[in-house]
C-alpha atoms as a PDB file:
ATOM      1  CA  MET A   1       0.178  -0.066   0.119  1.00  0.00           C
ATOM      2  CA  ASP A   2       1.449   3.336  -0.839  1.00  0.00           C
ATOM      3  CA  ASP A   3      -0.422   5.356   1.307  1.00  0.00           C
ATOM      4  CA  ILE A   4       1.201   5.400   4.903  1.00  0.00           C
ATOM      5  CA  LEU A   5      -0.101   7.099   8.025  1.00  0.00           C
ATOM      6  CA  VAL A   6       2.508   8.335  10.747  1.00  0.00           C
ATOM      7  CA  LEU A   7       1.255   8.434  14.129  1.00  0.00           C
ATOM      8  CA  ILE A   8       2.789  10.720  16.790  1.00  0.00           C
ATOM      9  CA  ASP A   9       1.982   9.755  20.424  1.00  0.00           C
ATOM     10  CA  GLU A  10       1.866  12.268  23.192  1.00  0.00           C
ATOM     11  CA  ASN A  11       5.960  11.207  23.726  1.00  0.00           C
ATOM     12  CA  GLY A  12       6.716  12.131  20.226  1.00  0.00           C
ATOM     13  CA  VAL A  13       7.354   8.268  19.240  1.00  0.00           C
ATOM     14  CA  LYS A  14       6.314   7.764  15.473  1.00  0.00           C
ATOM     15  CA  THR A  15       4.745   4.508  14.459  1.00  0.00           C
ATOM     16  CA  ARG A  16       3.831   3.908  10.804  1.00  0.00           C
ATOM     17  CA  PHE A  17       0.390   2.641   9.837  1.00  0.00           C
ATOM     18  CA  GLU A  18      -1.250   1.207   6.434  1.00  0.00           C
ATOM     19  CA  THR A  19      -4.912   2.545   6.512  1.00  0.00           C
ATOM     20  CA  LEU A  20      -7.075  -0.416   5.662  1.00  0.00           C
ATOM     21  CA  ASP A  21     -10.409   1.296   5.816  1.00  0.00           C
ATOM     22  CA  ILE A  22     -12.372   4.245   7.280  1.00  0.00           C
ATOM     23  CA  VAL A  23     -15.281   3.078   8.855  1.00  0.00           C
ATOM     24  CA  GLU A  24     -18.471   5.071   9.728  1.00  0.00           C
ATOM     25  CA  TYR A  25     -20.540   4.167  12.673  1.00  0.00           C
ATOM     26  CA  GLU A  26     -22.982   6.163  14.389  1.00  0.00           C
ATOM     27  CA  GLY A  27     -21.831   9.356  12.951  1.00  0.00           C
ATOM     28  CA  GLU A  28     -18.418   8.929  13.745  1.00  0.00           C
ATOM     29  CA  GLU A  29     -15.322   7.660  11.843  1.00  0.00           C
ATOM     30  CA  TYR A  30     -12.956   5.091  12.656  1.00  0.00           C
ATOM     31  CA  ALA A  31      -9.611   4.553  11.142  1.00  0.00           C
ATOM     32  CA  VAL A  32      -8.649   0.195  10.727  1.00  0.00           C
ATOM     33  CA  LEU A  33      -4.898   0.591  10.690  1.00  0.00           C
ATOM     34  CA  TYR A  34      -2.191  -2.071  10.444  1.00  0.00           C
ATOM     35  CA  PRO A  35       1.257  -1.492  11.515  1.00  0.00           C
ATOM     36  CA  ALA A  36       3.472  -0.914   8.157  1.00  0.00           C
ATOM     37  CA  ASP A  37       6.491  -2.826   9.448  1.00  0.00           C
ATOM     38  CA  ALA A  38       4.623  -5.660  11.092  1.00  0.00           C
ATOM     39  CA  GLY A  39       4.544  -9.259  10.144  1.00  0.00           C
ATOM     40  CA  ASP A  40       1.248 -11.179   8.985  1.00  0.00           C
ATOM     41  CA  ASP A  41       0.360 -11.903  13.069  1.00  0.00           C
ATOM     42  CA  GLU A  42      -0.017  -8.442  14.092  1.00  0.00           C
ATOM     43  CA  PRO A  43      -3.760  -7.433  14.870  1.00  0.00           C
ATOM     44  CA  VAL A  44      -5.480  -4.228  13.246  1.00  0.00           C
ATOM     45  CA  HIS A  45      -5.628  -0.996  15.462  1.00  0.00           C
ATOM     46  CA  ILE A  46      -8.613   0.957  15.489  1.00  0.00           C
ATOM     47  CA  LEU A  47      -8.951   4.537  16.458  1.00  0.00           C
ATOM     48  CA  ARG A  48     -11.611   7.010  16.213  1.00  0.00           C
ATOM     49  CA  ILE A  49     -11.031  10.303  13.912  1.00  0.00           C
ATOM     50  CA  HIS A  50     -10.981  13.061  16.679  1.00  0.00           C
ATOM     51  CA  THR A  51     -10.190  16.087  14.473  1.00  0.00           C
ATOM     52  CA  GLU A  52      -9.073  16.865  11.218  1.00  0.00           C
ATOM     53  CA  ASP A  53      -6.871  19.908   9.897  1.00  0.00           C
ATOM     54  CA  MET A  54      -6.926  19.599   5.958  1.00  0.00           C
ATOM     55  CA  ASP A  55      -4.797  22.679   5.604  1.00  0.00           C
ATOM     56  CA  ASN A  56      -1.737  21.017   6.989  1.00  0.00           C
ATOM     57  CA  GLY A  57      -2.766  17.553   6.373  1.00  0.00           C
ATOM     58  CA  GLU A  58      -2.803  16.535  10.160  1.00  0.00           C
ATOM     59  CA  VAL A  59      -5.564  14.351  11.985  1.00  0.00           C
ATOM     60  CA  GLN A  60      -6.010  13.545  15.325  1.00  0.00           C
ATOM     61  CA  TYR A  61      -7.013  10.232  16.567  1.00  0.00           C
ATOM     62  CA  GLU A  62      -8.395   8.866  19.663  1.00  0.00           C
ATOM     63  CA  GLY A  63      -7.728   5.558  21.377  1.00  0.00           C
ATOM     64  CA  LEU A  64     -10.961   3.386  22.331  1.00  0.00           C
ATOM     65  CA  GLU A  65     -11.675   1.959  25.826  1.00  0.00           C
ATOM     66  CA  ASP A  66     -15.234   0.456  24.764  1.00  0.00           C
ATOM     67  CA  ASP A  67     -14.690  -3.032  23.712  1.00  0.00           C
ATOM     68  CA  ARG A  68     -18.061  -3.720  22.424  1.00  0.00           C
ATOM     69  CA  LEU A  69     -17.554  -0.564  20.109  1.00  0.00           C
ATOM     70  CA  ILE A  70     -14.272  -1.657  19.024  1.00  0.00           C
ATOM     71  CA  GLN A  71     -16.149  -4.936  18.207  1.00  0.00           C
ATOM     72  CA  LYS A  72     -18.825  -3.243  16.138  1.00  0.00           C
ATOM     73  CA  VAL A  73     -16.441  -1.326  13.974  1.00  0.00           C
ATOM     74  CA  TYR A  74     -14.295  -4.411  13.491  1.00  0.00           C
ATOM     75  CA  ARG A  75     -17.327  -6.309  12.459  1.00  0.00           C
ATOM     76  CA  ILE A  76     -18.405  -3.435   9.878  1.00  0.00           C
ATOM     77  CA  PHE A  77     -14.791  -3.432   8.728  1.00  0.00           C
ATOM     78  CA  CYS A  78     -14.948  -7.204   8.078  1.00  0.00           C
ATOM     79  CA  ARG A  79     -18.375  -6.980   6.400  1.00  0.00           C
ATOM     80  CA  ARG A  80     -17.013  -4.286   4.064  1.00  0.00           C
ATOM     81  CA  ASN A  81     -13.897  -5.897   3.311  1.00  0.00           C
ATOM     82  CA  GLN A  82     -15.558  -9.472   2.812  1.00  0.00           C
ATOM     83  CA  ILE A  83     -13.391 -11.084   5.744  1.00  0.00           C
ATOM     84  CA  ARG A  84     -14.941 -14.376   6.128  1.00  0.00           C
ATOM     85  CA  ARG A  85     -12.901 -15.850   8.953  1.00  0.00           C
ATOM     86  CA  ASP A  86     -13.941 -15.375  12.506  1.00  0.00           C
ATOM     87  CA  CYS A  87     -14.175 -11.652  12.715  1.00  0.00           C
ATOM     88  CA  VAL A  88     -13.390 -10.978  16.479  1.00  0.00           C
ATOM     89  CA  PHE A  89     -11.140  -8.393  17.425  1.00  0.00           C
ATOM     90  CA  THR A  90      -8.494  -9.672  20.015  1.00  0.00           C
ATOM     91  CA  ALA A  91      -6.434  -6.597  20.825  1.00  0.00           C
ATOM     92  CA  ALA A  92      -6.845  -3.353  22.595  1.00  0.00           C
ATOM     93  CA  ALA A  93      -5.709  -0.291  20.439  1.00  0.00           C
ATOM     94  CA  PRO A  94      -1.934   0.868  21.579  1.00  0.00           C
ATOM     95  CA  TYR A  95      -3.178   4.370  22.129  1.00  0.00           C
ATOM     96  CA  ALA A  96      -5.933   4.130  24.346  1.00  0.00           C
ATOM     97  CA  PRO A  97      -7.316   6.398  25.706  1.00  0.00           C
ATOM     98  CA  GLY A  98      -4.895   9.257  24.566  1.00  0.00           C
ATOM     99  CA  ILE A  99      -5.003  11.403  21.485  1.00  0.00           C
ATOM    100  CA  VAL A 100      -2.243  10.842  18.938  1.00  0.00           C
ATOM    101  CA  SER A 101      -1.656  12.929  15.963  1.00  0.00           C
ATOM    102  CA  GLY A 102      -1.113  11.521  12.331  1.00  0.00           C
ATOM    103  CA  ARG A 103      -0.319  12.529   8.755  1.00  0.00           C
ATOM    104  CA  HIS A 104      -0.737  10.576   5.829  1.00  0.00           C
ATOM    105  CA  ARG A 105       2.359  10.336   3.445  1.00  0.00           C
ATOM    106  CA  SER A 106       2.055   9.054  -0.245  1.00  0.00           C
ATOM    107  CA  GLY A 107       4.793   6.881  -1.584  1.00  0.00           C
ATOM    108  CA  VAL A 108       6.725   6.129   2.022  1.00  0.00           C
END
């Protein structure tokens, strides 16, 4: 995937993710992300899109604490992407519940 999202946590640590999908649920948008440098066994990460500043390409994301919400968003993602295996989300978002900033970088 050419579109890489670089998340920067509150400590300034950068992590690269591929954006697998943006899922809308109950009027909010959620990013379904996969670590860009991970192997095949890494779980996806789901973050709520908190704010967007399109002038500078910056987006803020919020980690989720509600396991039921995470599961609902993940099931929508599975249906939309025709994932037929057991669609159960098994890992918590790495940034819950804080706010992280991200910037999309094409071709990284």
